[in-house]
C-alpha cells in the first residue's frame, strides 16, 4: 500500500495524478480503482482524495520524494504510521467506504 500525497496538474484527472505520483515516488505502476476516502486537514485547508489501487507492474524503488517502499499488514500500518495517515490506508481496505473524515493536522476530529 502506498501513501502518496501530491497536487494534481491542472489538466489531469485525479486517477491520472495517482498513477503518475505512485510511479514517480515508488516505481510501481498501478490501476486506480475506487475512491475510498476524502480527508480534510482543517488547519491547512487541504482536502486529500484517497483511491484503492492495485499494482500492475514496475519495480519497487525509492526516489527523491520517498525514503522507503514497503508492503504492510493492517496491524503494521496501525503500529508504524501516525493516526491521520494510517486511517487513510485502513479505510482503503474497508469495502464500506468512501469515508469522509476531518483532522487538525495531527489527529482525527470527531463528527
PDB file of N, CA and C in Angstrom:
ATOM      1  N   UNK A   1       0.826  -1.165   0.000  1.00  0.00           N
ATOM      2  CA  UNK A   1       0.000   0.000   0.000  1.00  0.00           C
ATOM      3  C   UNK A   1       0.875   1.236   0.000  1.00  0.00           C
ATOM      4  N   UNK A   2       0.522   2.196  -0.765  1.00  0.00           N
ATOM      5  CA  UNK A   2       1.333   3.405  -0.849  1.00  0.00           C
ATOM      6  C   UNK A   2       0.561   4.590  -0.297  1.00  0.00           C
ATOM      7  N   UNK A   3       1.257   5.417   0.424  1.00  0.00           N
ATOM      8  CA  UNK A   3       0.678   6.662   0.884  1.00  0.00           C
ATOM      9  C   UNK A   3       1.365   7.779   0.106  1.00  0.00           C
ATOM     10  N   UNK A   4       0.677   8.299  -0.875  1.00  0.00           N
ATOM     11  CA  UNK A   4       1.236   9.315  -1.753  1.00  0.00           C
ATOM     12  C   UNK A   4       0.371  10.556  -1.620  1.00  0.00           C
ATOM     13  N   UNK A   5       0.986  11.695  -1.452  1.00  0.00           N
ATOM     14  CA  UNK A   5       0.226  12.922  -1.304  1.00  0.00           C
ATOM     15  C   UNK A   5       0.870  14.018  -2.146  1.00  0.00           C
ATOM     16  N   UNK A   6       0.225  14.379  -3.234  1.00  0.00           N
ATOM     17  CA  UNK A   6       0.749  15.415  -4.128  1.00  0.00           C
ATOM     18  C   UNK A   6      -0.406  16.170  -4.759  1.00  0.00           C
ATOM     19  N   UNK A   7      -0.048  17.243  -5.421  1.00  0.00           N
ATOM     20  CA  UNK A   7      -1.044  18.048  -6.130  1.00  0.00           C
ATOM     21  C   UNK A   7      -1.215  17.549  -7.550  1.00  0.00           C
ATOM     22  N   UNK A   8      -2.418  17.743  -8.058  1.00  0.00           N
ATOM     23  CA  UNK A   8      -2.715  17.399  -9.437  1.00  0.00           C
ATOM     24  C   UNK A   8      -2.239  18.496 -10.371  1.00  0.00           C
ATOM     25  N   UNK A   9      -1.847  18.095 -11.560  1.00  0.00           N
ATOM     26  CA  UNK A   9      -1.603  19.072 -12.615  1.00  0.00           C
ATOM     27  C   UNK A   9      -2.971  19.587 -13.056  1.00  0.00           C
ATOM     28  N   UNK A  10      -3.048  20.817 -13.521  1.00  0.00           N
ATOM     29  CA  UNK A  10      -4.328  21.422 -13.887  1.00  0.00           C
ATOM     30  C   UNK A  10      -5.121  20.608 -14.900  1.00  0.00           C
ATOM     31  N   UNK A  11      -4.449  19.985 -15.856  1.00  0.00           N
ATOM     32  CA  UNK A  11      -5.148  19.297 -16.940  1.00  0.00           C
ATOM     33  C   UNK A  11      -5.339  17.802 -16.705  1.00  0.00           C
ATOM     34  N   UNK A  12      -4.912  17.266 -15.550  1.00  0.00           N
ATOM     35  CA  UNK A  12      -5.018  15.813 -15.372  1.00  0.00           C
ATOM     36  C   UNK A  12      -6.162  15.423 -14.445  1.00  0.00           C
ATOM     37  N   UNK A  13      -6.680  14.230 -14.660  1.00  0.00           N
ATOM     38  CA  UNK A  13      -7.737  13.693 -13.807  1.00  0.00           C
ATOM     39  C   UNK A  13      -7.112  13.204 -12.494  1.00  0.00           C
ATOM     40  N   UNK A  14      -7.925  13.066 -11.439  1.00  0.00           N
ATOM     41  CA  UNK A  14      -7.380  12.519 -10.198  1.00  0.00           C
ATOM     42  C   UNK A  14      -6.730  11.151 -10.400  1.00  0.00           C
ATOM     43  N   UNK A  15      -7.345  10.300 -11.221  1.00  0.00           N
ATOM     44  CA  UNK A  15      -6.791   8.965 -11.457  1.00  0.00           C
ATOM     45  C   UNK A  15      -5.436   9.034 -12.151  1.00  0.00           C
ATOM     46  N   UNK A  16      -5.309   9.916 -13.133  1.00  0.00           N
ATOM     47  CA  UNK A  16      -4.021  10.071 -13.826  1.00  0.00           C
ATOM     48  C   UNK A  16      -2.960  10.603 -12.865  1.00  0.00           C
ATOM     49  N   UNK A  17      -3.339  11.512 -11.985  1.00  0.00           N
ATOM     50  CA  UNK A  17      -2.403  12.038 -10.993  1.00  0.00           C
ATOM     51  C   UNK A  17      -1.933  10.968 -10.033  1.00  0.00           C
ATOM     52  N   UNK A  18      -2.838  10.095  -9.613  1.00  0.00           N
ATOM     53  CA  UNK A  18      -2.463   8.983  -8.732  1.00  0.00           C
ATOM     54  C   UNK A  18      -1.458   8.088  -9.437  1.00  0.00           C
ATOM     55  N   UNK A  19      -1.753   7.694 -10.673  1.00  0.00           N
ATOM     56  CA  UNK A  19      -0.822   6.816 -11.419  1.00  0.00           C
ATOM     57  C   UNK A  19       0.552   7.465 -11.561  1.00  0.00           C
ATOM     58  N   UNK A  20       0.571   8.745 -11.921  1.00  0.00           N
ATOM     59  CA  UNK A  20       1.833   9.459 -12.118  1.00  0.00           C
ATOM     60  C   UNK A  20       2.647   9.519 -10.830  1.00  0.00           C
ATOM     61  N   UNK A  21       2.008   9.908  -9.742  1.00  0.00           N
ATOM     62  CA  UNK A  21       2.730  10.088  -8.488  1.00  0.00           C
ATOM     63  C   UNK A  21       3.199   8.767  -7.881  1.00  0.00           C
ATOM     64  N   UNK A  22       2.365   7.726  -7.947  1.00  0.00           N
ATOM     65  CA  UNK A  22       2.795   6.429  -7.416  1.00  0.00           C
ATOM     66  C   UNK A  22       3.997   5.924  -8.195  1.00  0.00           C
ATOM     67  N   UNK A  23       3.960   6.022  -9.513  1.00  0.00           N
ATOM     68  CA  UNK A  23       5.096   5.581 -10.333  1.00  0.00           C
ATOM     69  C   UNK A  23       6.345   6.401 -10.028  1.00  0.00           C
ATOM     70  N   UNK A  24       6.193   7.718  -9.963  1.00  0.00           N
ATOM     71  CA  UNK A  24       7.344   8.599  -9.734  1.00  0.00           C
ATOM     72  C   UNK A  24       7.988   8.345  -8.372  1.00  0.00           C
ATOM     73  N   UNK A  25       7.176   8.114  -7.342  1.00  0.00           N
ATOM     74  CA  UNK A  25       7.707   8.007  -5.991  1.00  0.00           C
ATOM     75  C   UNK A  25       8.059   6.595  -5.556  1.00  0.00           C
ATOM     76  N   UNK A  26       7.479   5.572  -6.203  1.00  0.00           N
ATOM     77  CA  UNK A  26       7.721   4.195  -5.753  1.00  0.00           C
ATOM     78  C   UNK A  26       8.227   3.261  -6.835  1.00  0.00           C
ATOM     79  N   UNK A  27       8.123   3.654  -8.113  1.00  0.00           N
ATOM     80  CA  UNK A  27       8.496   2.768  -9.214  1.00  0.00           C
ATOM     81  C   UNK A  27       7.425   1.749  -9.560  1.00  0.00           C
ATOM     82  N   UNK A  28       6.273   1.817  -8.899  1.00  0.00           N
ATOM     83  CA  UNK A  28       5.202   0.839  -9.104  1.00  0.00           C
ATOM     84  C   UNK A  28       4.123   1.426 -10.006  1.00  0.00           C
ATOM     85  N   UNK A  29       3.751   0.696 -11.042  1.00  0.00           N
ATOM     86  CA  UNK A  29       2.632   1.075 -11.908  1.00  0.00           C
ATOM     87  C   UNK A  29       1.361   0.531 -11.277  1.00  0.00           C
ATOM     88  N   UNK A  30       0.292   1.326 -11.282  1.00  0.00           N
ATOM     89  CA  UNK A  30      -0.947   0.895 -10.640  1.00  0.00           C
ATOM     90  C   UNK A  30      -2.158   1.116 -11.533  1.00  0.00           C
ATOM     91  N   UNK A  31      -3.166   0.304 -11.278  1.00  0.00           N
ATOM     92  CA  UNK A  31      -4.513   0.512 -11.813  1.00  0.00           C
ATOM     93  C   UNK A  31      -5.296   1.172 -10.687  1.00  0.00           C
ATOM     94  N   UNK A  32      -5.894   2.320 -10.973  1.00  0.00           N
ATOM     95  CA  UNK A  32      -6.662   3.048  -9.966  1.00  0.00           C
ATOM     96  C   UNK A  32      -8.083   2.506  -9.955  1.00  0.00           C
ATOM     97  N   UNK A  33      -8.533   2.094  -8.793  1.00  0.00           N
ATOM     98  CA  UNK A  33      -9.879   1.549  -8.650  1.00  0.00           C
ATOM     99  C   UNK A  33     -10.783   2.563  -7.954  1.00  0.00           C
ATOM    100  N   UNK A  34     -11.324   2.216  -6.822  1.00  0.00           N
ATOM    101  CA  UNK A  34     -12.348   3.022  -6.153  1.00  0.00           C
ATOM    102  C   UNK A  34     -11.787   4.163  -5.317  1.00  0.00           C
ATOM    103  N   UNK A  35     -12.556   5.261  -5.254  1.00  0.00           N
ATOM    104  CA  UNK A  35     -12.316   6.307  -4.274  1.00  0.00           C
ATOM    105  C   UNK A  35     -12.709   5.725  -2.918  1.00  0.00           C
ATOM    106  N   UNK A  36     -11.791   5.751  -1.937  1.00  0.00           N
ATOM    107  CA  UNK A  36     -12.077   5.147  -0.632  1.00  0.00           C
ATOM    108  C   UNK A  36     -12.208   6.169   0.482  1.00  0.00           C
ATOM    109  N   UNK A  37     -11.791   7.412   0.223  1.00  0.00           N
ATOM    110  CA  UNK A  37     -11.920   8.394   1.281  1.00  0.00           C
ATOM    111  C   UNK A  37     -11.613   9.810   0.850  1.00  0.00           C
ATOM    112  N   UNK A  38     -12.184  10.748   1.611  1.00  0.00           N
ATOM    113  CA  UNK A  38     -11.937  12.174   1.449  1.00  0.00           C
ATOM    114  C   UNK A  38     -11.538  12.669   2.836  1.00  0.00           C
ATOM    115  N   UNK A  39     -10.355  13.314   2.911  1.00  0.00           N
ATOM    116  CA  UNK A  39      -9.778  13.694   4.196  1.00  0.00           C
ATOM    117  C   UNK A  39      -9.426  15.173   4.177  1.00  0.00           C
ATOM    118  N   UNK A  40      -9.999  15.927   5.131  1.00  0.00           N
ATOM    119  CA  UNK A  40      -9.773  17.367   5.178  1.00  0.00           C
ATOM    120  C   UNK A  40      -8.888  17.726   6.361  1.00  0.00           C
ATOM    121  N   UNK A  41      -7.778  18.387   6.051  1.00  0.00           N
ATOM    122  CA  UNK A  41      -6.918  18.952   7.074  1.00  0.00           C
ATOM    123  C   UNK A  41      -7.482  20.334   7.377  1.00  0.00           C
ATOM    124  N   UNK A  42      -8.138  20.482   8.520  1.00  0.00           N
ATOM    125  CA  UNK A  42      -8.824  21.730   8.849  1.00  0.00           C
ATOM    126  C   UNK A  42      -7.850  22.857   9.179  1.00  0.00           C
ATOM    127  N   UNK A  43      -6.629  22.532   9.551  1.00  0.00           N
ATOM    128  CA  UNK A  43      -5.627  23.547   9.871  1.00  0.00           C
ATOM    129  C   UNK A  43      -5.053  24.182   8.616  1.00  0.00           C
ATOM    130  N   UNK A  44      -4.768  23.353   7.621  1.00  0.00           N
ATOM    131  CA  UNK A  44      -4.122  23.845   6.401  1.00  0.00           C
ATOM    132  C   UNK A  44      -5.092  24.057   5.244  1.00  0.00           C
ATOM    133  N   UNK A  45      -6.350  23.638   5.401  1.00  0.00           N
ATOM    134  CA  UNK A  45      -7.329  23.811   4.331  1.00  0.00           C
ATOM    135  C   UNK A  45      -7.061  22.928   3.129  1.00  0.00           C
ATOM    136  N   UNK A  46      -6.525  21.745   3.349  1.00  0.00           N
ATOM    137  CA  UNK A  46      -6.193  20.820   2.269  1.00  0.00           C
ATOM    138  C   UNK A  46      -7.163  19.651   2.309  1.00  0.00           C
ATOM    139  N   UNK A  47      -7.650  19.244   1.140  1.00  0.00           N
ATOM    140  CA  UNK A  47      -8.506  18.073   1.031  1.00  0.00           C
ATOM    141  C   UNK A  47      -7.763  17.019   0.213  1.00  0.00           C
ATOM    142  N   UNK A  48      -7.640  15.823   0.775  1.00  0.00           N
ATOM    143  CA  UNK A  48      -6.958  14.716   0.101  1.00  0.00           C
ATOM    144  C   UNK A  48      -7.982  13.674  -0.329  1.00  0.00           C
ATOM    145  N   UNK A  49      -7.865  13.209  -1.565  1.00  0.00           N
ATOM    146  CA  UNK A  49      -8.678  12.108  -2.073  1.00  0.00           C
ATOM    147  C   UNK A  49      -7.808  10.865  -2.054  1.00  0.00           C
ATOM    148  N   UNK A  50      -8.340   9.753  -1.557  1.00  0.00           N
ATOM    149  CA  UNK A  50      -7.581   8.513  -1.481  1.00  0.00           C
ATOM    150  C   UNK A  50      -8.300   7.449  -2.303  1.00  0.00           C
ATOM    151  N   UNK A  51      -7.531   6.766  -3.151  1.00  0.00           N
ATOM    152  CA  UNK A  51      -8.057   5.728  -4.029  1.00  0.00           C
ATOM    153  C   UNK A  51      -7.432   4.375  -3.701  1.00  0.00           C
ATOM    154  N   UNK A  52      -8.223   3.318  -3.851  1.00  0.00           N
ATOM    155  CA  UNK A  52      -7.689   1.956  -3.759  1.00  0.00           C
ATOM    156  C   UNK A  52      -7.074   1.642  -5.116  1.00  0.00           C
ATOM    157  N   UNK A  53      -5.845   1.142  -5.097  1.00  0.00           N
ATOM    158  CA  UNK A  53      -5.128   0.815  -6.329  1.00  0.00           C
ATOM    159  C   UNK A  53      -4.614  -0.622  -6.255  1.00  0.00           C
ATOM    160  N   UNK A  54      -4.312  -1.162  -7.418  1.00  0.00           N
ATOM    161  CA  UNK A  54      -3.649  -2.463  -7.448  1.00  0.00           C
ATOM    162  C   UNK A  54      -2.420  -2.363  -8.346  1.00  0.00           C
ATOM    163  N   UNK A  55      -1.323  -2.988  -7.912  1.00  0.00           N
ATOM    164  CA  UNK A  55      -0.100  -2.920  -8.720  1.00  0.00           C
ATOM    165  C   UNK A  55      -0.259  -3.690 -10.019  1.00  0.00           C
ATOM    166  N   UNK A  56       0.290  -3.119 -11.101  1.00  0.00           N
ATOM    167  CA  UNK A  56       0.219  -3.790 -12.401  1.00  0.00           C
ATOM    168  C   UNK A  56       1.592  -3.998 -13.020  1.00  0.00           C
ATOM    169  N   UNK A  57       2.632  -3.421 -12.432  1.00  0.00           N
ATOM    170  CA  UNK A  57       3.979  -3.572 -12.976  1.00  0.00           C
ATOM    171  C   UNK A  57       4.950  -2.643 -12.296  1.00  0.00           C
ATOM    172  N   UNK A  58       6.130  -2.547 -12.896  1.00  0.00           N
ATOM    173  CA  UNK A  58       7.163  -1.685 -12.345  1.00  0.00           C
ATOM    174  C   UNK A  58       8.045  -2.425 -11.366  1.00  0.00           C
ATOM    175  N   UNK A  59       9.024  -1.716 -10.848  1.00  0.00           N
ATOM    176  CA  UNK A  59       9.963  -2.266  -9.880  1.00  0.00           C
ATOM    177  C   UNK A  59      10.034  -1.325  -8.690  1.00  0.00           C
ATOM    178  N   UNK A  60       9.822  -1.867  -7.485  1.00  0.00           N
ATOM    179  CA  UNK A  60       9.846  -1.047  -6.276  1.00  0.00           C
ATOM    180  C   UNK A  60      11.198  -0.353  -6.134  1.00  0.00           C
ATOM    181  N   UNK A  61      11.129   0.953  -5.818  1.00  0.00           N
ATOM    182  CA  UNK A  61      12.344   1.736  -5.578  1.00  0.00           C
ATOM    183  C   UNK A  61      11.964   2.986  -4.809  1.00  0.00           C
ATOM    184  N   UNK A  62      12.929   3.581  -4.153  1.00  0.00           N
ATOM    185  CA  UNK A  62      12.707   4.871  -3.515  1.00  0.00           C
ATOM    186  C   UNK A  62      13.030   5.963  -4.525  1.00  0.00           C
ATOM    187  N   UNK A  63      12.750   7.187  -4.142  1.00  0.00           N
ATOM    188  CA  UNK A  63      13.015   8.337  -5.016  1.00  0.00           C
ATOM    189  C   UNK A  63      13.451   9.517  -4.159  1.00  0.00           C
ATOM    190  N   UNK A  64      13.634  10.656  -4.784  1.00  0.00           N
ATOM    191  CA  UNK A  64      13.966  11.870  -4.041  1.00  0.00           C
ATOM    192  C   UNK A  64      12.828  12.269  -3.092  1.00  0.00           C
ATOM    193  N   UNK A  65      11.624  11.761  -3.353  1.00  0.00           N
ATOM    194  CA  UNK A  65      10.459  12.111  -2.531  1.00  0.00           C
ATOM    195  C   UNK A  65       9.995  10.978  -1.628  1.00  0.00           C
ATOM    196  N   UNK A  66      10.699   9.848  -1.621  1.00  0.00           N
ATOM    197  CA  UNK A  66      10.317   8.736  -0.750  1.00  0.00           C
ATOM    198  C   UNK A  66      11.559   8.122  -0.120  1.00  0.00           C
ATOM    199  N   UNK A  67      11.414   7.680   1.111  1.00  0.00           N
ATOM    200  CA  UNK A  67      12.546   7.087   1.820  1.00  0.00           C
ATOM    201  C   UNK A  67      12.448   5.575   1.916  1.00  0.00           C
ATOM    202  N   UNK A  68      11.256   5.029   1.679  1.00  0.00           N
ATOM    203  CA  UNK A  68      11.069   3.583   1.757  1.00  0.00           C
ATOM    204  C   UNK A  68       9.836   3.188   0.960  1.00  0.00           C
ATOM    205  N   UNK A  69       9.856   1.977   0.444  1.00  0.00           N
ATOM    206  CA  UNK A  69       8.689   1.368  -0.186  1.00  0.00           C
ATOM    207  C   UNK A  69       8.502   0.044   0.516  1.00  0.00           C
ATOM    208  N   UNK A  70       7.339  -0.165   1.119  1.00  0.00           N
ATOM    209  CA  UNK A  70       7.114  -1.389   1.893  1.00  0.00           C
ATOM    210  C   UNK A  70       5.663  -1.831   1.759  1.00  0.00           C
ATOM    211  N   UNK A  71       5.459  -3.115   1.826  1.00  0.00           N
ATOM    212  CA  UNK A  71       4.124  -3.699   1.841  1.00  0.00           C
ATOM    213  C   UNK A  71       3.845  -4.076   3.291  1.00  0.00           C
ATOM    214  N   UNK A  72       2.786  -3.506   3.872  1.00  0.00           N
ATOM    215  CA  UNK A  72       2.488  -3.685   5.285  1.00  0.00           C
ATOM    216  C   UNK A  72       1.135  -4.337   5.496  1.00  0.00           C
ATOM    217  N   UNK A  73       1.026  -5.089   6.583  1.00  0.00           N
ATOM    218  CA  UNK A  73      -0.266  -5.625   7.009  1.00  0.00           C
ATOM    219  C   UNK A  73      -1.046  -4.495   7.690  1.00  0.00           C
ATOM    220  N   UNK A  74      -2.355  -4.644   7.850  1.00  0.00           N
ATOM    221  CA  UNK A  74      -3.112  -3.611   8.565  1.00  0.00           C
ATOM    222  C   UNK A  74      -2.565  -3.352   9.979  1.00  0.00           C
ATOM    223  N   UNK A  75      -2.163  -4.394  10.695  1.00  0.00           N
ATOM    224  CA  UNK A  75      -1.600  -4.194  12.033  1.00  0.00           C
ATOM    225  C   UNK A  75      -0.308  -3.390  11.976  1.00  0.00           C
ATOM    226  N   UNK A  76       0.527  -3.637  10.979  1.00  0.00           N
ATOM    227  CA  UNK A  76       1.776  -2.886  10.830  1.00  0.00           C
ATOM    228  C   UNK A  76       1.506  -1.422  10.475  1.00  0.00           C
ATOM    229  N   UNK A  77       0.501  -1.194   9.629  1.00  0.00           N
ATOM    230  CA  UNK A  77       0.120   0.190   9.290  1.00  0.00           C
ATOM    231  C   UNK A  77      -0.272   0.927  10.560  1.00  0.00           C
ATOM    232  N   UNK A  78      -1.152   0.326  11.363  1.00  0.00           N
ATOM    233  CA  UNK A  78      -1.632   0.963  12.592  1.00  0.00           C
ATOM    234  C   UNK A  78      -0.496   1.229  13.577  1.00  0.00           C
ATOM    235  N   UNK A  79       0.476   0.336  13.632  1.00  0.00           N
ATOM    236  CA  UNK A  79       1.579   0.476  14.590  1.00  0.00           C
ATOM    237  C   UNK A  79       2.650   1.456  14.126  1.00  0.00           C
ATOM    238  N   UNK A  80       2.877   1.563  12.818  1.00  0.00           N
ATOM    239  CA  UNK A  80       4.028   2.314  12.317  1.00  0.00           C
ATOM    240  C   UNK A  80       3.711   3.710  11.794  1.00  0.00           C
ATOM    241  N   UNK A  81       2.449   4.009  11.543  1.00  0.00           N
ATOM    242  CA  UNK A  81       2.097   5.293  10.945  1.00  0.00           C
ATOM    243  C   UNK A  81       1.293   6.141  11.923  1.00  0.00           C
ATOM    244  N   UNK A  82       1.363   7.467  11.754  1.00  0.00           N
ATOM    245  CA  UNK A  82       0.533   8.341  12.577  1.00  0.00           C
ATOM    246  C   UNK A  82      -0.931   8.106  12.238  1.00  0.00           C
ATOM    247  N   UNK A  83      -1.794   8.408  13.199  1.00  0.00           N
ATOM    248  CA  UNK A  83      -3.226   8.132  13.070  1.00  0.00           C
ATOM    249  C   UNK A  83      -3.836   8.683  11.783  1.00  0.00           C
ATOM    250  N   UNK A  84      -3.511   9.938  11.439  1.00  0.00           N
ATOM    251  CA  UNK A  84      -4.176  10.580  10.306  1.00  0.00           C
ATOM    252  C   UNK A  84      -3.772   9.969   8.962  1.00  0.00           C
ATOM    253  N   UNK A  85      -2.603   9.329   8.888  1.00  0.00           N
ATOM    254  CA  UNK A  85      -2.205   8.661   7.653  1.00  0.00           C
ATOM    255  C   UNK A  85      -2.588   7.186   7.683  1.00  0.00           C
ATOM    256  N   UNK A  86      -2.487   6.559   8.829  1.00  0.00           N
ATOM    257  CA  UNK A  86      -2.868   5.150   8.952  1.00  0.00           C
ATOM    258  C   UNK A  86      -4.343   4.954   8.612  1.00  0.00           C
ATOM    259  N   UNK A  87      -5.201   5.874   9.072  1.00  0.00           N
ATOM    260  CA  UNK A  87      -6.638   5.707   8.833  1.00  0.00           C
ATOM    261  C   UNK A  87      -6.961   5.730   7.345  1.00  0.00           C
ATOM    262  N   UNK A  88      -6.200   6.480   6.565  1.00  0.00           N
ATOM    263  CA  UNK A  88      -6.433   6.518   5.119  1.00  0.00           C
ATOM    264  C   UNK A  88      -6.196   5.148   4.497  1.00  0.00           C
ATOM    265  N   UNK A  89      -5.118   4.501   4.904  1.00  0.00           N
ATOM    266  CA  UNK A  89      -4.812   3.177   4.354  1.00  0.00           C
ATOM    267  C   UNK A  89      -5.780   2.130   4.874  1.00  0.00           C
ATOM    268  N   UNK A  90      -6.124   2.204   6.151  1.00  0.00           N
ATOM    269  CA  UNK A  90      -7.066   1.242   6.707  1.00  0.00           C
ATOM    270  C   UNK A  90      -8.452   1.430   6.104  1.00  0.00           C
ATOM    271  N   UNK A  91      -8.865   2.680   5.883  1.00  0.00           N
ATOM    272  CA  UNK A  91     -10.147   2.940   5.215  1.00  0.00           C
ATOM    273  C   UNK A  91     -10.154   2.364   3.800  1.00  0.00           C
ATOM    274  N   UNK A  92      -9.004   2.404   3.120  1.00  0.00           N
ATOM    275  CA  UNK A  92      -8.928   1.881   1.747  1.00  0.00           C
ATOM    276  C   UNK A  92      -9.167   0.379   1.705  1.00  0.00           C
ATOM    277  N   UNK A  93      -8.918  -0.310   2.806  1.00  0.00           N
ATOM    278  CA  UNK A  93      -9.175  -1.752   2.876  1.00  0.00           C
ATOM    279  C   UNK A  93     -10.626  -2.055   3.212  1.00  0.00           C
ATOM    280  N   UNK A  94     -11.348  -1.072   3.698  1.00  0.00           N
ATOM    281  CA  UNK A  94     -12.736  -1.238   4.129  1.00  0.00           C
ATOM    282  C   UNK A  94     -13.668  -1.041   2.940  1.00  0.00           C
ATOM    283  N   UNK A  95     -14.394  -2.054   2.591  1.00  0.00           N
ATOM    284  CA  UNK A  95     -15.302  -2.004   1.436  1.00  0.00           C
ATOM    285  C   UNK A  95     -16.510  -1.104   1.673  1.00  0.00           C
ATOM    286  N   UNK A  96     -16.720  -0.623   2.907  1.00  0.00           N
ATOM    287  CA  UNK A  96     -17.903   0.173   3.237  1.00  0.00           C
ATOM    288  C   UNK A  96     -17.769   1.642   2.844  1.00  0.00           C
ATOM    289  N   UNK A  97     -16.611   2.053   2.343  1.00  0.00           N
ATOM    290  CA  UNK A  97     -16.351   3.463   2.018  1.00  0.00           C
ATOM    291  C   UNK A  97     -17.178   3.936   0.836  1.00  0.00           C
ATOM    292  N   UNK A  98     -16.955   5.145   0.366  1.00  0.00           N
ATOM    293  CA  UNK A  98     -15.871   6.020   0.792  1.00  0.00           C
ATOM    294  C   UNK A  98     -16.156   6.681   2.141  1.00  0.00           C
ATOM    295  N   UNK A  99     -15.077   6.900   2.872  1.00  0.00           N
ATOM    296  CA  UNK A  99     -15.126   7.543   4.176  1.00  0.00           C
ATOM    297  C   UNK A  99     -14.833   9.029   4.012  1.00  0.00           C
ATOM    298  N   UNK A 100     -15.428   9.837   4.864  1.00  0.00           N
ATOM    299  CA  UNK A 100     -15.174  11.276   4.877  1.00  0.00           C
ATOM    300  C   UNK A 100     -14.762  11.620   6.304  1.00  0.00           C
ATOM    301  N   UNK A 101     -13.541  12.165   6.432  1.00  0.00           N
ATOM    302  CA  UNK A 101     -13.010  12.459   7.768  1.00  0.00           C
ATOM    303  C   UNK A 101     -12.299  13.808   7.757  1.00  0.00           C
ATOM    304  N   UNK A 102     -12.241  14.424   8.936  1.00  0.00           N
ATOM    305  CA  UNK A 102     -11.501  15.657   9.123  1.00  0.00           C
ATOM    306  C   UNK A 102     -10.463  15.446  10.211  1.00  0.00           C
ATOM    307  N   UNK A 103      -9.357  16.185  10.102  1.00  0.00           N
ATOM    308  CA  UNK A 103      -8.321  16.141  11.125  1.00  0.00           C
ATOM    309  C   UNK A 103      -7.673  17.504  11.230  1.00  0.00           C
ATOM    310  N   UNK A 104      -7.018  17.742  12.347  1.00  0.00           N
ATOM    311  CA  UNK A 104      -6.424  19.062  12.602  1.00  0.00           C
ATOM    312  C   UNK A 104      -4.950  19.125  12.237  1.00  0.00           C
ATOM    313  N   UNK A 105      -4.488  18.211  11.447  1.00  0.00           N
ATOM    314  CA  UNK A 105      -3.079  18.138  11.081  1.00  0.00           C
ATOM    315  C   UNK A 105      -2.331  17.098  11.892  1.00  0.00           C
ATOM    316  N   UNK A 106      -2.889  16.720  13.042  1.00  0.00           N
ATOM    317  CA  UNK A 106      -2.224  15.741  13.905  1.00  0.00           C
ATOM    318  C   UNK A 106      -3.124  14.593  14.307  1.00  0.00           C
ATOM    319  N   UNK A 107      -4.415  14.894  14.535  1.00  0.00           N
ATOM    320  CA  UNK A 107      -5.313  13.829  14.962  1.00  0.00           C
ATOM    321  C   UNK A 107      -6.695  13.996  14.349  1.00  0.00           C
ATOM    322  N   UNK A 108      -7.411  12.883  14.288  1.00  0.00           N
ATOM    323  CA  UNK A 108      -8.755  12.895  13.727  1.00  0.00           C
ATOM    324  C   UNK A 108      -9.686  13.687  14.626  1.00  0.00           C
ATOM    325  N   UNK A 109     -10.658  14.345  13.983  1.00  0.00           N
ATOM    326  CA  UNK A 109     -11.676  15.082  14.721  1.00  0.00           C
ATOM    327  C   UNK A 109     -12.958  14.258  14.691  1.00  0.00           C
ATOM    328  N   UNK A 110     -13.668  14.239  15.802  1.00  0.00           N
ATOM    329  CA  UNK A 110     -14.926  13.508  15.825  1.00  0.00           C
ATOM    330  C   UNK A 110     -16.006  14.349  15.182  1.00  0.00           C
ATOM    331  N   UNK A 111     -17.004  13.672  14.646  1.00  0.00           N
ATOM    332  CA  UNK A 111     -18.090  14.370  13.942  1.00  0.00           C
ATOM    333  C   UNK A 111     -18.944  15.152  14.892  1.00  0.00           C
TER     334      UNK A 111
END
